[in-house]
Amino acid sequence: MSEADFSAASLQGIDLRGANLYKANFNAATLWGGNLSGANLKGVIIYLSNFSGSVLNGANLEDAFISDSEFSDTDLSGTSLKDAFISDTDFTGANLNRANLKNTSLDDGKH
């Protein structure tokens, strides 16, 4: 599913554990309660999307563009957000234990 387009998709509770979603587009997508643990999300675009309550532990979000989105109460433990750009995104209650934030650009939002 590399470079897949999930624009405006309603994927609540979806199980994409370990999936290769390299450079996927999640523009205006809804994935709350989904499981993307261990997924390759390198270079993804997440804009105006809702990942609240999802599990992304151990996922690769390196080089991701994340803006105007919702990640509240999301499990991002052990996730790599290295070199990601994150703007105006809500991480209230998110678990970021052991997350790699090296060179991550955080702009505004709740983090």
Protein backbone atom coordinates (compact mmCIF):
# COMPACT_ATOMS: atom_id res chain seq x y z
CA MET A 1 0.00 0.00 0.00
CA SER A 2 2.98 2.26 -0.54
CA GLU A 3 1.89 5.76 -1.64
CA ALA A 4 -1.78 4.85 -1.06
CA ASP A 5 -4.36 7.65 -1.03
CA PHE A 6 -6.65 7.55 2.01
CA SER A 7 -8.01 11.08 1.47
CA ALA A 8 -11.36 11.59 3.21
CA ALA A 9 -11.43 7.88 4.13
CA SER A 10 -13.41 6.76 7.15
CA LEU A 11 -11.28 3.98 8.66
CA GLN A 12 -12.35 3.86 12.32
CA GLY A 13 -10.95 0.84 14.13
CA ILE A 14 -8.97 -0.39 11.11
CA ASP A 15 -6.14 -2.87 11.72
CA LEU A 16 -3.05 -1.94 9.71
CA ARG A 17 -0.42 -3.41 12.04
CA GLY A 18 2.94 -3.65 10.30
CA ALA A 19 1.56 -2.30 7.00
CA ASN A 20 3.83 -0.55 4.50
CA LEU A 21 2.15 2.84 4.10
CA TYR A 22 5.24 4.68 2.85
CA LYS A 23 4.30 8.17 1.59
CA ALA A 24 0.58 7.49 2.03
CA ASN A 25 -1.83 10.43 1.96
CA PHE A 26 -4.19 10.78 4.93
CA ASN A 27 -5.77 14.11 3.98
CA ALA A 28 -9.02 14.57 5.97
CA ALA A 29 -9.00 10.90 7.00
CA THR A 30 -10.61 9.45 10.14
CA LEU A 31 -8.73 6.58 11.79
CA TRP A 32 -9.73 6.95 15.44
CA GLY A 33 -9.33 3.73 17.37
CA GLY A 34 -7.24 2.14 14.63
CA ASN A 35 -4.17 -0.05 15.11
CA LEU A 36 -1.12 0.94 13.07
CA SER A 37 1.50 -0.41 15.46
CA GLY A 38 4.78 -1.18 13.72
CA ALA A 39 3.53 0.31 10.44
CA ASN A 40 5.88 2.04 8.01
CA LEU A 41 4.42 5.54 7.69
CA LYS A 42 7.64 7.21 6.55
CA GLY A 43 6.98 10.36 4.52
CA VAL A 44 3.20 10.31 5.03
CA ILE A 45 0.98 13.36 4.76
CA ILE A 46 -1.51 13.68 7.61
CA TYR A 47 -3.63 16.81 7.26
CA LEU A 48 -7.00 17.58 8.87
CA SER A 49 -7.14 13.98 10.09
CA ASN A 50 -8.26 12.25 13.28
CA PHE A 51 -6.11 9.49 14.77
CA SER A 52 -7.51 9.88 18.32
CA GLY A 53 -7.33 6.77 20.47
CA SER A 54 -5.30 4.90 17.86
CA VAL A 55 -2.31 2.65 18.54
CA LEU A 56 0.83 3.56 16.61
CA ASN A 57 3.44 2.16 18.99
CA GLY A 58 6.68 1.33 17.21
CA ALA A 59 5.48 2.90 13.95
CA ASN A 60 7.88 4.74 11.63
CA LEU A 61 6.65 8.32 11.04
CA GLU A 62 10.03 9.68 9.95
CA ASP A 63 9.86 12.61 7.49
CA ALA A 64 6.08 12.82 8.01
CA PHE A 65 4.08 16.02 7.45
CA ILE A 66 1.43 16.26 10.17
CA SER A 67 -0.76 19.36 10.37
CA ASP A 68 -4.11 20.43 11.80
CA SER A 69 -4.82 16.93 13.05
CA GLU A 70 -5.95 15.11 16.19
CA PHE A 71 -3.79 12.54 18.03
CA SER A 72 -5.34 12.85 21.50
CA ASP A 73 -5.10 9.71 23.65
CA THR A 74 -3.02 8.01 20.95
CA ASP A 75 -0.31 5.47 21.81
CA LEU A 76 2.84 6.71 20.07
CA SER A 77 5.27 4.92 22.41
CA GLY A 78 8.47 3.89 20.68
CA THR A 79 7.39 5.67 17.50
CA SER A 80 9.99 7.43 15.35
CA LEU A 81 9.00 10.96 14.41
CA LYS A 82 12.56 11.79 13.36
CA ASP A 83 12.73 14.71 10.89
CA ALA A 84 8.93 15.07 10.91
CA PHE A 85 7.13 18.41 10.60
CA ILE A 86 4.23 18.76 13.06
CA SER A 87 2.02 21.84 13.14
CA ASP A 88 -1.24 22.73 14.92
CA THR A 89 -1.87 19.15 16.04
CA ASP A 90 -3.42 18.03 19.33
CA PHE A 91 -1.50 15.38 21.28
CA THR A 92 -3.43 15.80 24.56
CA GLY A 93 -3.16 12.58 26.57
CA ALA A 94 -0.97 10.90 23.93
CA ASN A 95 1.72 8.44 25.07
CA LEU A 96 5.07 9.55 23.62
CA ASN A 97 7.28 7.40 25.89
CA ARG A 98 10.49 6.40 24.07
CA ALA A 99 9.37 8.25 20.91
CA ASN A 100 12.23 9.52 18.75
CA LEU A 101 11.71 13.25 18.19
CA LYS A 102 15.19 13.98 16.84
CA ASN A 103 15.08 16.94 14.42
CA THR A 104 11.28 17.02 14.63
CA SER A 105 9.81 20.46 13.99
CA LEU A 106 6.94 21.22 16.38
CA ASP A 107 4.90 24.32 15.62
CA ASP A 108 1.98 25.49 17.80
CA GLY A 109 -0.67 22.90 18.62
CA LYS A 110 -1.03 21.11 21.94
CA HIS A 111 1.99 18.93 22.69
